[in-house]
Amino acid sequence: MSPFERNRIVRTAEDVKGLAARLSRCPEVTRFDEGQHIEAWGLAGSFADLEDSFRALLDEHLPKLVQENLSPSEMHDLLLDIGEEFRHVLYHILEQQRFYKYLVQEGTEVIGQCPESS
């Protein structure tokens, strides 16, 4: 078992379901429910996906980033990989759920061009 899997907290669909059930008991969460959108499920799904991004950053990307033997090209590729993890995090803050929308200005979108190689 990899360290990535060993340290996982939200491992299964049942874990997500249980987390959503706990979150649904919080009125500050359920006040964002509307139509088909159930905020507890949005948050639980976001936390499960965010765990993947954070573990990838900490367990894979950061250890590679501190290696002294990376070529400039490898460093650039790794920085772009890290940027994709950040984009995934932003997606979950901006799109997947509503509870944390206060963290960003209204109208903020996850878009943009990656920086060109020099």
PDB file of N, CA and C in Angstrom:
ATOM      1  N   MET A   1       0.851  -1.179   0.000  1.00  0.00           N
ATOM      2  CA  MET A   1       0.000   0.000   0.000  1.00  0.00           C
ATOM      3  C   MET A   1       0.898   1.243   0.000  1.00  0.00           C
ATOM      4  N   SER A   2       0.591   2.168  -0.882  1.00  0.00           N
ATOM      5  CA  SER A   2       1.390   3.388  -0.983  1.00  0.00           C
ATOM      6  C   SER A   2       1.079   4.323   0.179  1.00  0.00           C
ATOM      7  N   PRO A   3       2.005   5.228   0.521  1.00  0.00           N
ATOM      8  CA  PRO A   3       1.706   6.223   1.570  1.00  0.00           C
ATOM      9  C   PRO A   3       0.461   7.039   1.217  1.00  0.00           C
ATOM     10  N   PHE A   4       0.260   7.270  -0.076  1.00  0.00           N
ATOM     11  CA  PHE A   4      -0.906   8.014  -0.549  1.00  0.00           C
ATOM     12  C   PHE A   4      -2.192   7.320  -0.104  1.00  0.00           C
ATOM     13  N   GLU A   5      -2.262   6.016  -0.262  1.00  0.00           N
ATOM     14  CA  GLU A   5      -3.453   5.257   0.120  1.00  0.00           C
ATOM     15  C   GLU A   5      -3.521   5.024   1.618  1.00  0.00           C
ATOM     16  N   ARG A   6      -2.380   4.779   2.233  1.00  0.00           N
ATOM     17  CA  ARG A   6      -2.337   4.466   3.665  1.00  0.00           C
ATOM     18  C   ARG A   6      -2.891   5.611   4.504  1.00  0.00           C
ATOM     19  N   ASN A   7      -2.611   6.835   4.113  1.00  0.00           N
ATOM     20  CA  ASN A   7      -3.011   7.988   4.900  1.00  0.00           C
ATOM     21  C   ASN A   7      -4.389   8.532   4.559  1.00  0.00           C
ATOM     22  N   ARG A   8      -5.055   7.933   3.603  1.00  0.00           N
ATOM     23  CA  ARG A   8      -6.372   8.450   3.188  1.00  0.00           C
ATOM     24  C   ARG A   8      -7.355   8.439   4.342  1.00  0.00           C
ATOM     25  N   ILE A   9      -8.164   9.468   4.397  1.00  0.00           N
ATOM     26  CA  ILE A   9      -9.191   9.579   5.422  1.00  0.00           C
ATOM     27  C   ILE A   9     -10.556   9.231   4.830  1.00  0.00           C
ATOM     28  N   VAL A  10     -10.871   9.815   3.685  1.00  0.00           N
ATOM     29  CA  VAL A  10     -12.129   9.528   2.999  1.00  0.00           C
ATOM     30  C   VAL A  10     -11.790   8.515   1.912  1.00  0.00           C
ATOM     31  N   ARG A  11     -12.038   7.250   2.213  1.00  0.00           N
ATOM     32  CA  ARG A  11     -11.582   6.163   1.339  1.00  0.00           C
ATOM     33  C   ARG A  11     -12.670   5.620   0.417  1.00  0.00           C
ATOM     34  N   THR A  12     -13.885   5.570   0.896  1.00  0.00           N
ATOM     35  CA  THR A  12     -14.938   4.863   0.169  1.00  0.00           C
ATOM     36  C   THR A  12     -16.160   5.751  -0.030  1.00  0.00           C
ATOM     37  N   ALA A  13     -17.070   5.259  -0.860  1.00  0.00           N
ATOM     38  CA  ALA A  13     -18.346   5.962  -1.044  1.00  0.00           C
ATOM     39  C   ALA A  13     -19.110   6.017   0.276  1.00  0.00           C
ATOM     40  N   GLU A  14     -18.958   4.996   1.093  1.00  0.00           N
ATOM     41  CA  GLU A  14     -19.610   4.994   2.414  1.00  0.00           C
ATOM     42  C   GLU A  14     -19.038   6.092   3.310  1.00  0.00           C
ATOM     43  N   ASP A  15     -17.739   6.346   3.203  1.00  0.00           N
ATOM     44  CA  ASP A  15     -17.131   7.438   3.966  1.00  0.00           C
ATOM     45  C   ASP A  15     -17.721   8.782   3.545  1.00  0.00           C
ATOM     46  N   VAL A  16     -17.894   8.973   2.238  1.00  0.00           N
ATOM     47  CA  VAL A  16     -18.483  10.211   1.724  1.00  0.00           C
ATOM     48  C   VAL A  16     -19.922  10.326   2.201  1.00  0.00           C
ATOM     49  N   LYS A  17     -20.664   9.230   2.125  1.00  0.00           N
ATOM     50  CA  LYS A  17     -22.059   9.216   2.568  1.00  0.00           C
ATOM     51  C   LYS A  17     -22.159   9.567   4.053  1.00  0.00           C
ATOM     52  N   GLY A  18     -21.301   8.988   4.876  1.00  0.00           N
ATOM     53  CA  GLY A  18     -21.309   9.279   6.310  1.00  0.00           C
ATOM     54  C   GLY A  18     -20.951  10.726   6.597  1.00  0.00           C
ATOM     55  N   LEU A  19     -19.971  11.243   5.874  1.00  0.00           N
ATOM     56  CA  LEU A  19     -19.588  12.643   6.042  1.00  0.00           C
ATOM     57  C   LEU A  19     -20.740  13.559   5.639  1.00  0.00           C
ATOM     58  N   ALA A  20     -21.384  13.251   4.523  1.00  0.00           N
ATOM     59  CA  ALA A  20     -22.527  14.048   4.077  1.00  0.00           C
ATOM     60  C   ALA A  20     -23.645  14.014   5.117  1.00  0.00           C
ATOM     61  N   ALA A  21     -23.882  12.862   5.709  1.00  0.00           N
ATOM     62  CA  ALA A  21     -24.925  12.752   6.737  1.00  0.00           C
ATOM     63  C   ALA A  21     -24.593  13.629   7.939  1.00  0.00           C
ATOM     64  N   ARG A  22     -23.332  13.631   8.359  1.00  0.00           N
ATOM     65  CA  ARG A  22     -22.934  14.474   9.491  1.00  0.00           C
ATOM     66  C   ARG A  22     -23.058  15.951   9.138  1.00  0.00           C
ATOM     67  N   LEU A  23     -22.613  16.315   7.938  1.00  0.00           N
ATOM     68  CA  LEU A  23     -22.689  17.716   7.512  1.00  0.00           C
ATOM     69  C   LEU A  23     -24.134  18.185   7.380  1.00  0.00           C
ATOM     70  N   SER A  24     -25.035  17.282   7.017  1.00  0.00           N
ATOM     71  CA  SER A  24     -26.437  17.658   6.828  1.00  0.00           C
ATOM     72  C   SER A  24     -27.139  17.996   8.145  1.00  0.00           C
ATOM     73  N   ARG A  25     -26.513  17.700   9.259  1.00  0.00           N
ATOM     74  CA  ARG A  25     -27.073  18.067  10.563  1.00  0.00           C
ATOM     75  C   ARG A  25     -26.734  19.501  10.963  1.00  0.00           C
ATOM     76  N   CYS A  26     -25.954  20.171  10.132  1.00  0.00           N
ATOM     77  CA  CYS A  26     -25.515  21.536  10.430  1.00  0.00           C
ATOM     78  C   CYS A  26     -26.383  22.522   9.630  1.00  0.00           C
ATOM     79  N   PRO A  27     -27.203  23.327  10.308  1.00  0.00           N
ATOM     80  CA  PRO A  27     -28.076  24.256   9.577  1.00  0.00           C
ATOM     81  C   PRO A  27     -27.304  25.261   8.724  1.00  0.00           C
ATOM     82  N   GLU A  28     -26.088  25.608   9.116  1.00  0.00           N
ATOM     83  CA  GLU A  28     -25.289  26.530   8.326  1.00  0.00           C
ATOM     84  C   GLU A  28     -24.866  25.913   6.997  1.00  0.00           C
ATOM     85  N   VAL A  29     -24.900  24.599   6.925  1.00  0.00           N
ATOM     86  CA  VAL A  29     -24.628  23.886   5.674  1.00  0.00           C
ATOM     87  C   VAL A  29     -25.909  23.757   4.863  1.00  0.00           C
ATOM     88  N   THR A  30     -26.967  23.290   5.482  1.00  0.00           N
ATOM     89  CA  THR A  30     -28.202  23.009   4.746  1.00  0.00           C
ATOM     90  C   THR A  30     -28.891  24.275   4.240  1.00  0.00           C
ATOM     91  N   ARG A  31     -28.534  25.427   4.758  1.00  0.00           N
ATOM     92  CA  ARG A  31     -29.157  26.664   4.254  1.00  0.00           C
ATOM     93  C   ARG A  31     -28.795  26.912   2.787  1.00  0.00           C
ATOM     94  N   PHE A  32     -27.771  26.204   2.282  1.00  0.00           N
ATOM     95  CA  PHE A  32     -27.376  26.344   0.885  1.00  0.00           C
ATOM     96  C   PHE A  32     -28.054  25.318  -0.027  1.00  0.00           C
ATOM     97  N   ASP A  33     -28.889  24.455   0.541  1.00  0.00           N
ATOM     98  CA  ASP A  33     -29.625  23.482  -0.274  1.00  0.00           C
ATOM     99  C   ASP A  33     -30.613  24.234  -1.165  1.00  0.00           C
ATOM    100  N   GLU A  34     -30.682  23.815  -2.417  1.00  0.00           N
ATOM    101  CA  GLU A  34     -31.626  24.434  -3.347  1.00  0.00           C
ATOM    102  C   GLU A  34     -31.855  23.482  -4.516  1.00  0.00           C
ATOM    103  N   GLY A  35     -33.111  23.129  -4.738  1.00  0.00           N
ATOM    104  CA  GLY A  35     -33.432  22.220  -5.832  1.00  0.00           C
ATOM    105  C   GLY A  35     -32.675  20.908  -5.698  1.00  0.00           C
ATOM    106  N   GLN A  36     -31.960  20.544  -6.756  1.00  0.00           N
ATOM    107  CA  GLN A  36     -31.185  19.299  -6.766  1.00  0.00           C
ATOM    108  C   GLN A  36     -29.882  19.407  -5.974  1.00  0.00           C
ATOM    109  N   HIS A  37     -29.475  20.627  -5.635  1.00  0.00           N
ATOM    110  CA  HIS A  37     -28.203  20.817  -4.929  1.00  0.00           C
ATOM    111  C   HIS A  37     -28.390  20.587  -3.433  1.00  0.00           C
ATOM    112  N   ILE A  38     -27.697  19.581  -2.922  1.00  0.00           N
ATOM    113  CA  ILE A  38     -27.665  19.295  -1.486  1.00  0.00           C
ATOM    114  C   ILE A  38     -26.255  19.624  -1.016  1.00  0.00           C
ATOM    115  N   GLU A  39     -26.126  20.686  -0.244  1.00  0.00           N
ATOM    116  CA  GLU A  39     -24.806  21.213   0.117  1.00  0.00           C
ATOM    117  C   GLU A  39     -23.947  20.211   0.874  1.00  0.00           C
ATOM    118  N   ALA A  40     -24.553  19.427   1.760  1.00  0.00           N
ATOM    119  CA  ALA A  40     -23.762  18.439   2.512  1.00  0.00           C
ATOM    120  C   ALA A  40     -23.059  17.477   1.563  1.00  0.00           C
ATOM    121  N   TRP A  41     -23.743  17.060   0.509  1.00  0.00           N
ATOM    122  CA  TRP A  41     -23.135  16.172  -0.479  1.00  0.00           C
ATOM    123  C   TRP A  41     -22.075  16.908  -1.289  1.00  0.00           C
ATOM    124  N   GLY A  42     -22.333  18.175  -1.615  1.00  0.00           N
ATOM    125  CA  GLY A  42     -21.334  18.966  -2.331  1.00  0.00           C
ATOM    126  C   GLY A  42     -20.054  19.101  -1.533  1.00  0.00           C
ATOM    127  N   LEU A  43     -20.199  19.390  -0.244  1.00  0.00           N
ATOM    128  CA  LEU A  43     -19.019  19.519   0.616  1.00  0.00           C
ATOM    129  C   LEU A  43     -18.306  18.182   0.790  1.00  0.00           C
ATOM    130  N   ALA A  44     -19.066  17.135   1.048  1.00  0.00           N
ATOM    131  CA  ALA A  44     -18.441  15.818   1.267  1.00  0.00           C
ATOM    132  C   ALA A  44     -17.680  15.376   0.023  1.00  0.00           C
ATOM    133  N   GLY A  45     -18.286  15.554  -1.136  1.00  0.00           N
ATOM    134  CA  GLY A  45     -17.596  15.207  -2.377  1.00  0.00           C
ATOM    135  C   GLY A  45     -16.366  16.065  -2.593  1.00  0.00           C
ATOM    136  N   SER A  46     -16.488  17.346  -2.284  1.00  0.00           N
ATOM    137  CA  SER A  46     -15.339  18.246  -2.418  1.00  0.00           C
ATOM    138  C   SER A  46     -14.201  17.822  -1.504  1.00  0.00           C
ATOM    139  N   PHE A  47     -14.522  17.520  -0.253  1.00  0.00           N
ATOM    140  CA  PHE A  47     -13.461  17.123   0.676  1.00  0.00           C
ATOM    141  C   PHE A  47     -12.764  15.855   0.211  1.00  0.00           C
ATOM    142  N   ALA A  48     -13.507  14.901  -0.317  1.00  0.00           N
ATOM    143  CA  ALA A  48     -12.888  13.669  -0.819  1.00  0.00           C
ATOM    144  C   ALA A  48     -11.959  13.975  -1.991  1.00  0.00           C
ATOM    145  N   ASP A  49     -12.419  14.813  -2.922  1.00  0.00           N
ATOM    146  CA  ASP A  49     -11.583  15.165  -4.076  1.00  0.00           C
ATOM    147  C   ASP A  49     -10.399  16.034  -3.672  1.00  0.00           C
ATOM    148  N   LEU A  50     -10.614  16.933  -2.737  1.00  0.00           N
ATOM    149  CA  LEU A  50      -9.520  17.794  -2.279  1.00  0.00           C
ATOM    150  C   LEU A  50      -8.440  16.970  -1.583  1.00  0.00           C
ATOM    151  N   GLU A  51      -8.860  15.946  -0.881  1.00  0.00           N
ATOM    152  CA  GLU A  51      -7.867  15.072  -0.252  1.00  0.00           C
ATOM    153  C   GLU A  51      -6.927  14.501  -1.307  1.00  0.00           C
ATOM    154  N   ASP A  52      -7.463  14.113  -2.445  1.00  0.00           N
ATOM    155  CA  ASP A  52      -6.628  13.601  -3.527  1.00  0.00           C
ATOM    156  C   ASP A  52      -5.607  14.644  -3.970  1.00  0.00           C
ATOM    157  N   SER A  53      -6.067  15.877  -4.178  1.00  0.00           N
ATOM    158  CA  SER A  53      -5.155  16.933  -4.635  1.00  0.00           C
ATOM    159  C   SER A  53      -4.093  17.258  -3.589  1.00  0.00           C
ATOM    160  N   PHE A  54      -4.502  17.360  -2.333  1.00  0.00           N
ATOM    161  CA  PHE A  54      -3.535  17.683  -1.277  1.00  0.00           C
ATOM    162  C   PHE A  54      -2.511  16.565  -1.108  1.00  0.00           C
ATOM    163  N   ARG A  55      -2.973  15.322  -1.180  1.00  0.00           N
ATOM    164  CA  ARG A  55      -2.029  14.199  -1.060  1.00  0.00           C
ATOM    165  C   ARG A  55      -1.082  14.158  -2.251  1.00  0.00           C
ATOM    166  N   ALA A  56      -1.596  14.430  -3.447  1.00  0.00           N
ATOM    167  CA  ALA A  56      -0.720  14.457  -4.619  1.00  0.00           C
ATOM    168  C   ALA A  56       0.334  15.545  -4.457  1.00  0.00           C
ATOM    169  N   LEU A  57      -0.081  16.709  -3.988  1.00  0.00           N
ATOM    170  CA  LEU A  57       0.865  17.804  -3.782  1.00  0.00           C
ATOM    171  C   LEU A  57       1.918  17.426  -2.739  1.00  0.00           C
ATOM    172  N   LEU A  58       1.478  16.906  -1.609  1.00  0.00           N
ATOM    173  CA  LEU A  58       2.405  16.620  -0.509  1.00  0.00           C
ATOM    174  C   LEU A  58       3.207  15.334  -0.704  1.00  0.00           C
ATOM    175  N   ASP A  59       2.587  14.315  -1.260  1.00  0.00           N
ATOM    176  CA  ASP A  59       3.250  13.012  -1.344  1.00  0.00           C
ATOM    177  C   ASP A  59       4.015  12.807  -2.643  1.00  0.00           C
ATOM    178  N   GLU A  60       3.628  13.523  -3.710  1.00  0.00           N
ATOM    179  CA  GLU A  60       4.267  13.316  -5.007  1.00  0.00           C
ATOM    180  C   GLU A  60       5.020  14.553  -5.490  1.00  0.00           C
ATOM    181  N   HIS A  61       4.299  15.652  -5.638  1.00  0.00           N
ATOM    182  CA  HIS A  61       4.880  16.831  -6.287  1.00  0.00           C
ATOM    183  C   HIS A  61       5.926  17.547  -5.437  1.00  0.00           C
ATOM    184  N   LEU A  62       5.623  17.801  -4.177  1.00  0.00           N
ATOM    185  CA  LEU A  62       6.573  18.535  -3.336  1.00  0.00           C
ATOM    186  C   LEU A  62       7.899  17.790  -3.154  1.00  0.00           C
ATOM    187  N   PRO A  63       7.878  16.476  -2.912  1.00  0.00           N
ATOM    188  CA  PRO A  63       9.160  15.768  -2.833  1.00  0.00           C
ATOM    189  C   PRO A  63       9.991  15.887  -4.113  1.00  0.00           C
ATOM    190  N   LYS A  64       9.328  15.843  -5.273  1.00  0.00           N
ATOM    191  CA  LYS A  64      10.058  16.010  -6.532  1.00  0.00           C
ATOM    192  C   LYS A  64      10.595  17.427  -6.676  1.00  0.00           C
ATOM    193  N   LEU A  65       9.805  18.398  -6.224  1.00  0.00           N
ATOM    194  CA  LEU A  65      10.181  19.802  -6.377  1.00  0.00           C
ATOM    195  C   LEU A  65      11.466  20.142  -5.629  1.00  0.00           C
ATOM    196  N   VAL A  66      11.697  19.507  -4.508  1.00  0.00           N
ATOM    197  CA  VAL A  66      12.890  19.824  -3.722  1.00  0.00           C
ATOM    198  C   VAL A  66      14.130  19.056  -4.166  1.00  0.00           C
ATOM    199  N   GLN A  67      13.993  18.168  -5.129  1.00  0.00           N
ATOM    200  CA  GLN A  67      15.161  17.465  -5.659  1.00  0.00           C
ATOM    201  C   GLN A  67      16.071  18.470  -6.360  1.00  0.00           C
ATOM    202  N   GLU A  68      17.350  18.336  -6.121  1.00  0.00           N
ATOM    203  CA  GLU A  68      18.309  19.262  -6.721  1.00  0.00           C
ATOM    204  C   GLU A  68      18.681  18.887  -8.149  1.00  0.00           C
ATOM    205  N   ASN A  69      18.292  17.701  -8.592  1.00  0.00           N
ATOM    206  CA  ASN A  69      18.752  17.242  -9.907  1.00  0.00           C
ATOM    207  C   ASN A  69      17.709  17.411 -11.015  1.00  0.00           C
ATOM    208  N   LEU A  70      16.672  18.203 -10.808  1.00  0.00           N
ATOM    209  CA  LEU A  70      15.676  18.422 -11.857  1.00  0.00           C
ATOM    210  C   LEU A  70      16.225  19.382 -12.907  1.00  0.00           C
ATOM    211  N   SER A  71      16.001  19.052 -14.147  1.00  0.00           N
ATOM    212  CA  SER A  71      16.371  19.967 -15.231  1.00  0.00           C
ATOM    213  C   SER A  71      15.351  21.099 -15.259  1.00  0.00           C
ATOM    214  N   PRO A  72      15.683  22.222 -15.889  1.00  0.00           N
ATOM    215  CA  PRO A  72      14.697  23.302 -16.017  1.00  0.00           C
ATOM    216  C   PRO A  72      13.396  22.831 -16.671  1.00  0.00           C
ATOM    217  N   SER A  73      13.487  21.966 -17.657  1.00  0.00           N
ATOM    218  CA  SER A  73      12.299  21.450 -18.319  1.00  0.00           C
ATOM    219  C   SER A  73      11.459  20.596 -17.366  1.00  0.00           C
ATOM    220  N   GLU A  74      12.117  19.740 -16.595  1.00  0.00           N
ATOM    221  CA  GLU A  74      11.403  18.913 -15.618  1.00  0.00           C
ATOM    222  C   GLU A  74      10.765  19.789 -14.541  1.00  0.00           C
ATOM    223  N   MET A  75      11.479  20.831 -14.111  1.00  0.00           N
ATOM    224  CA  MET A  75      10.955  21.753 -13.116  1.00  0.00           C
ATOM    225  C   MET A  75       9.695  22.439 -13.657  1.00  0.00           C
ATOM    226  N   HIS A  76       9.754  22.897 -14.907  1.00  0.00           N
ATOM    227  CA  HIS A  76       8.602  23.558 -15.522  1.00  0.00           C
ATOM    228  C   HIS A  76       7.405  22.617 -15.595  1.00  0.00           C
ATOM    229  N   ASP A  77       7.626  21.393 -16.036  1.00  0.00           N
ATOM    230  CA  ASP A  77       6.542  20.413 -16.114  1.00  0.00           C
ATOM    231  C   ASP A  77       5.930  20.154 -14.739  1.00  0.00           C
ATOM    232  N   LEU A  78       6.780  20.041 -13.731  1.00  0.00           N
ATOM    233  CA  LEU A  78       6.301  19.795 -12.374  1.00  0.00           C
ATOM    234  C   LEU A  78       5.497  20.994 -11.856  1.00  0.00           C
ATOM    235  N   LEU A  79       5.958  22.199 -12.128  1.00  0.00           N
ATOM    236  CA  LEU A  79       5.217  23.390 -11.714  1.00  0.00           C
ATOM    237  C   LEU A  79       3.844  23.436 -12.386  1.00  0.00           C
ATOM    238  N   LEU A  80       3.763  23.015 -13.640  1.00  0.00           N
ATOM    239  CA  LEU A  80       2.465  22.962 -14.315  1.00  0.00           C
ATOM    240  C   LEU A  80       1.566  21.887 -13.695  1.00  0.00           C
ATOM    241  N   ASP A  81       2.152  20.752 -13.308  1.00  0.00           N
ATOM    242  CA  ASP A  81       1.372  19.713 -12.622  1.00  0.00           C
ATOM    243  C   ASP A  81       0.815  20.252 -11.304  1.00  0.00           C
ATOM    244  N   ILE A  82       1.628  20.975 -10.570  1.00  0.00           N
ATOM    245  CA  ILE A  82       1.182  21.576  -9.310  1.00  0.00           C
ATOM    246  C   ILE A  82       0.070  22.590  -9.591  1.00  0.00           C
ATOM    247  N   GLY A  83       0.216  23.353 -10.662  1.00  0.00           N
ATOM    248  CA  GLY A  83      -0.828  24.303 -11.043  1.00  0.00           C
ATOM    249  C   GLY A  83      -2.159  23.617 -11.308  1.00  0.00           C
ATOM    250  N   GLU A  84      -2.110  22.435 -11.903  1.00  0.00           N
ATOM    251  CA  GLU A  84      -3.354  21.694 -12.149  1.00  0.00           C
ATOM    252  C   GLU A  84      -3.998  21.241 -10.840  1.00  0.00           C
ATOM    253  N   GLU A  85      -3.189  20.883  -9.863  1.00  0.00           N
ATOM    254  CA  GLU A  85      -3.746  20.548  -8.543  1.00  0.00           C
ATOM    255  C   GLU A  85      -4.399  21.784  -7.934  1.00  0.00           C
ATOM    256  N   PHE A  86      -3.741  22.948  -8.060  1.00  0.00           N
ATOM    257  CA  PHE A  86      -4.320  24.191  -7.551  1.00  0.00           C
ATOM    258  C   PHE A  86      -5.626  24.513  -8.279  1.00  0.00           C
ATOM    259  N   ARG A  87      -5.653  24.286  -9.587  1.00  0.00           N
ATOM    260  CA  ARG A  87      -6.885  24.523 -10.354  1.00  0.00           C
ATOM    261  C   ARG A  87      -8.003  23.625  -9.824  1.00  0.00           C
ATOM    262  N   HIS A  88      -7.684  22.387  -9.506  1.00  0.00           N
ATOM    263  CA  HIS A  88      -8.669  21.457  -8.962  1.00  0.00           C
ATOM    264  C   HIS A  88      -9.195  21.951  -7.625  1.00  0.00           C
ATOM    265  N   VAL A  89      -8.308  22.457  -6.780  1.00  0.00           N
ATOM    266  CA  VAL A  89      -8.717  23.008  -5.490  1.00  0.00           C
ATOM    267  C   VAL A  89      -9.658  24.194  -5.713  1.00  0.00           C
ATOM    268  N   LEU A  90      -9.274  25.095  -6.602  1.00  0.00           N
ATOM    269  CA  LEU A  90     -10.119  26.258  -6.889  1.00  0.00           C
ATOM    270  C   LEU A  90     -11.482  25.849  -7.432  1.00  0.00           C
ATOM    271  N   TYR A  91     -11.513  24.841  -8.271  1.00  0.00           N
ATOM    272  CA  TYR A  91     -12.788  24.356  -8.790  1.00  0.00           C
ATOM    273  C   TYR A  91     -13.720  23.992  -7.640  1.00  0.00           C
ATOM    274  N   HIS A  92     -13.190  23.296  -6.651  1.00  0.00           N
ATOM    275  CA  HIS A  92     -14.038  22.870  -5.547  1.00  0.00           C
ATOM    276  C   HIS A  92     -14.472  24.038  -4.674  1.00  0.00           C
ATOM    277  N   ILE A  93     -13.681  25.086  -4.613  1.00  0.00           N
ATOM    278  CA  ILE A  93     -14.079  26.268  -3.853  1.00  0.00           C
ATOM    279  C   ILE A  93     -15.103  27.088  -4.634  1.00  0.00           C
ATOM    280  N   LEU A  94     -14.920  27.182  -5.927  1.00  0.00           N
ATOM    281  CA  LEU A  94     -15.751  28.066  -6.744  1.00  0.00           C
ATOM    282  C   LEU A  94     -16.996  27.402  -7.326  1.00  0.00           C
ATOM    283  N   GLU A  95     -16.954  26.104  -7.575  1.00  0.00           N
ATOM    284  CA  GLU A  95     -18.015  25.471  -8.349  1.00  0.00           C
ATOM    285  C   GLU A  95     -18.770  24.358  -7.631  1.00  0.00           C
ATOM    286  N   GLN A  96     -18.098  23.491  -6.941  1.00  0.00           N
ATOM    287  CA  GLN A  96     -18.690  22.254  -6.440  1.00  0.00           C
ATOM    288  C   GLN A  96     -19.646  22.476  -5.271  1.00  0.00           C
ATOM    289  N   GLN A  97     -19.366  23.427  -4.444  1.00  0.00           N
ATOM    290  CA  GLN A  97     -20.168  23.651  -3.248  1.00  0.00           C
ATOM    291  C   GLN A  97     -20.420  25.142  -3.092  1.00  0.00           C
ATOM    292  N   ARG A  98     -21.240  25.524  -2.137  1.00  0.00           N
ATOM    293  CA  ARG A  98     -21.594  26.933  -1.937  1.00  0.00           C
ATOM    294  C   ARG A  98     -21.101  27.488  -0.613  1.00  0.00           C
ATOM    295  N   PHE A  99     -20.840  26.640   0.351  1.00  0.00           N
ATOM    296  CA  PHE A  99     -20.501  27.072   1.702  1.00  0.00           C
ATOM    297  C   PHE A  99     -19.279  27.998   1.729  1.00  0.00           C
ATOM    298  N   TYR A 100     -18.262  27.698   0.943  1.00  0.00           N
ATOM    299  CA  TYR A 100     -17.014  28.474   0.975  1.00  0.00           C
ATOM    300  C   TYR A 100     -16.940  29.555  -0.099  1.00  0.00           C
ATOM    301  N   LYS A 101     -18.038  29.889  -0.719  1.00  0.00           N
ATOM    302  CA  LYS A 101     -18.042  30.928  -1.759  1.00  0.00           C
ATOM    303  C   LYS A 101     -17.587  32.279  -1.210  1.00  0.00           C
ATOM    304  N   TYR A 102     -17.738  32.498   0.080  1.00  0.00           N
ATOM    305  CA  TYR A 102     -17.333  33.777   0.670  1.00  0.00           C
ATOM    306  C   TYR A 102     -15.821  34.005   0.551  1.00  0.00           C
ATOM    307  N   LEU A 103     -15.079  32.984   0.221  1.00  0.00           N
ATOM    308  CA  LEU A 103     -13.621  33.104   0.124  1.00  0.00           C
ATOM    309  C   LEU A 103     -13.150  33.821  -1.131  1.00  0.00           C
ATOM    310  N   VAL A 104     -14.021  33.946  -2.103  1.00  0.00           N
ATOM    311  CA  VAL A 104     -13.633  34.545  -3.375  1.00  0.00           C
ATOM    312  C   VAL A 104     -14.631  35.624  -3.767  1.00  0.00           C
ATOM    313  N   GLN A 105     -14.176  36.546  -4.594  1.00  0.00           N
ATOM    314  CA  GLN A 105     -15.058  37.576  -5.103  1.00  0.00           C
ATOM    315  C   GLN A 105     -16.078  36.971  -6.046  1.00  0.00           C
ATOM    316  N   GLU A 106     -17.271  37.517  -6.022  1.00  0.00           N
ATOM    317  CA  GLU A 106     -18.315  37.052  -6.937  1.00  0.00           C
ATOM    318  C   GLU A 106     -17.848  37.233  -8.374  1.00  0.00           C
ATOM    319  N   GLY A 107     -18.137  36.251  -9.178  1.00  0.00           N
ATOM    320  CA  GLY A 107     -17.757  36.313 -10.584  1.00  0.00           C
ATOM    321  C   GLY A 107     -16.391  35.737 -10.879  1.00  0.00           C
ATOM    322  N   THR A 108     -15.660  35.291  -9.859  1.00  0.00           N
ATOM    323  CA  THR A 108     -14.351  34.694 -10.084  1.00  0.00           C
ATOM    324  C   THR A 108     -14.532  33.327 -10.726  1.00  0.00           C
ATOM    325  N   GLU A 109     -13.740  33.046 -11.751  1.00  0.00           N
ATOM    326  CA  GLU A 109     -13.815  31.768 -12.446  1.00  0.00           C
ATOM    327  C   GLU A 109     -12.446  31.098 -12.445  1.00  0.00           C
ATOM    328  N   VAL A 110     -12.453  29.782 -12.593  1.00  0.00           N
ATOM    329  CA  VAL A 110     -11.208  29.024 -12.693  1.00  0.00           C
ATOM    330  C   VAL A 110     -10.865  28.933 -14.173  1.00  0.00           C
ATOM    331  N   ILE A 111     -10.162  29.934 -14.661  1.00  0.00           N
ATOM    332  CA  ILE A 111      -9.745  29.953 -16.059  1.00  0.00           C
ATOM    333  C   ILE A 111      -8.366  30.559 -16.135  1.00  0.00           C
ATOM    334  N   GLY A 112      -7.828  30.564 -17.285  1.00  0.00           N
ATOM    335  CA  GLY A 112      -6.541  31.206 -17.479  1.00  0.00           C
ATOM    336  C   GLY A 112      -5.622  30.360 -18.331  1.00  0.00           C
ATOM    337  N   GLN A 113      -4.587  30.993 -18.762  1.00  0.00           N
ATOM    338  CA  GLN A 113      -3.577  30.325 -19.571  1.00  0.00           C
ATOM    339  C   GLN A 113      -2.400  29.960 -18.666  1.00  0.00           C
ATOM    340  N   CYS A 114      -1.852  28.808 -18.889  1.00  0.00           N
ATOM    341  CA  CYS A 114      -0.642  28.474 -18.156  1.00  0.00           C
ATOM    342  C   CYS A 114       0.505  29.293 -18.749  1.00  0.00           C
ATOM    343  N   PRO A 115       1.477  29.633 -17.910  1.00  0.00           N
ATOM    344  CA  PRO A 115       2.586  30.435 -18.407  1.00  0.00           C
ATOM    345  C   PRO A 115       3.385  29.698 -19.489  1.00  0.00           C
ATOM    346  N   GLU A 116       3.786  30.432 -20.484  1.00  0.00           N
ATOM    347  CA  GLU A 116       4.576  29.867 -21.573  1.00  0.00           C
ATOM    348  C   GLU A 116       5.994  29.579 -21.099  1.00  0.00           C
ATOM    349  N   SER A 117       6.631  28.650 -21.760  1.00  0.00           N
ATOM    350  CA  SER A 117       8.039  28.378 -21.491  1.00  0.00           C
ATOM    351  C   SER A 117       8.876  29.557 -21.961  1.00  0.00           C
ATOM    352  N   SER A 118       9.924  29.815 -21.252  1.00  0.00           N
ATOM    353  CA  SER A 118      10.829  30.907 -21.657  1.00  0.00           C
ATOM    354  C   SER A 118      11.744  30.444 -22.743  1.00  0.00           C
TER     355      SER A 118
END
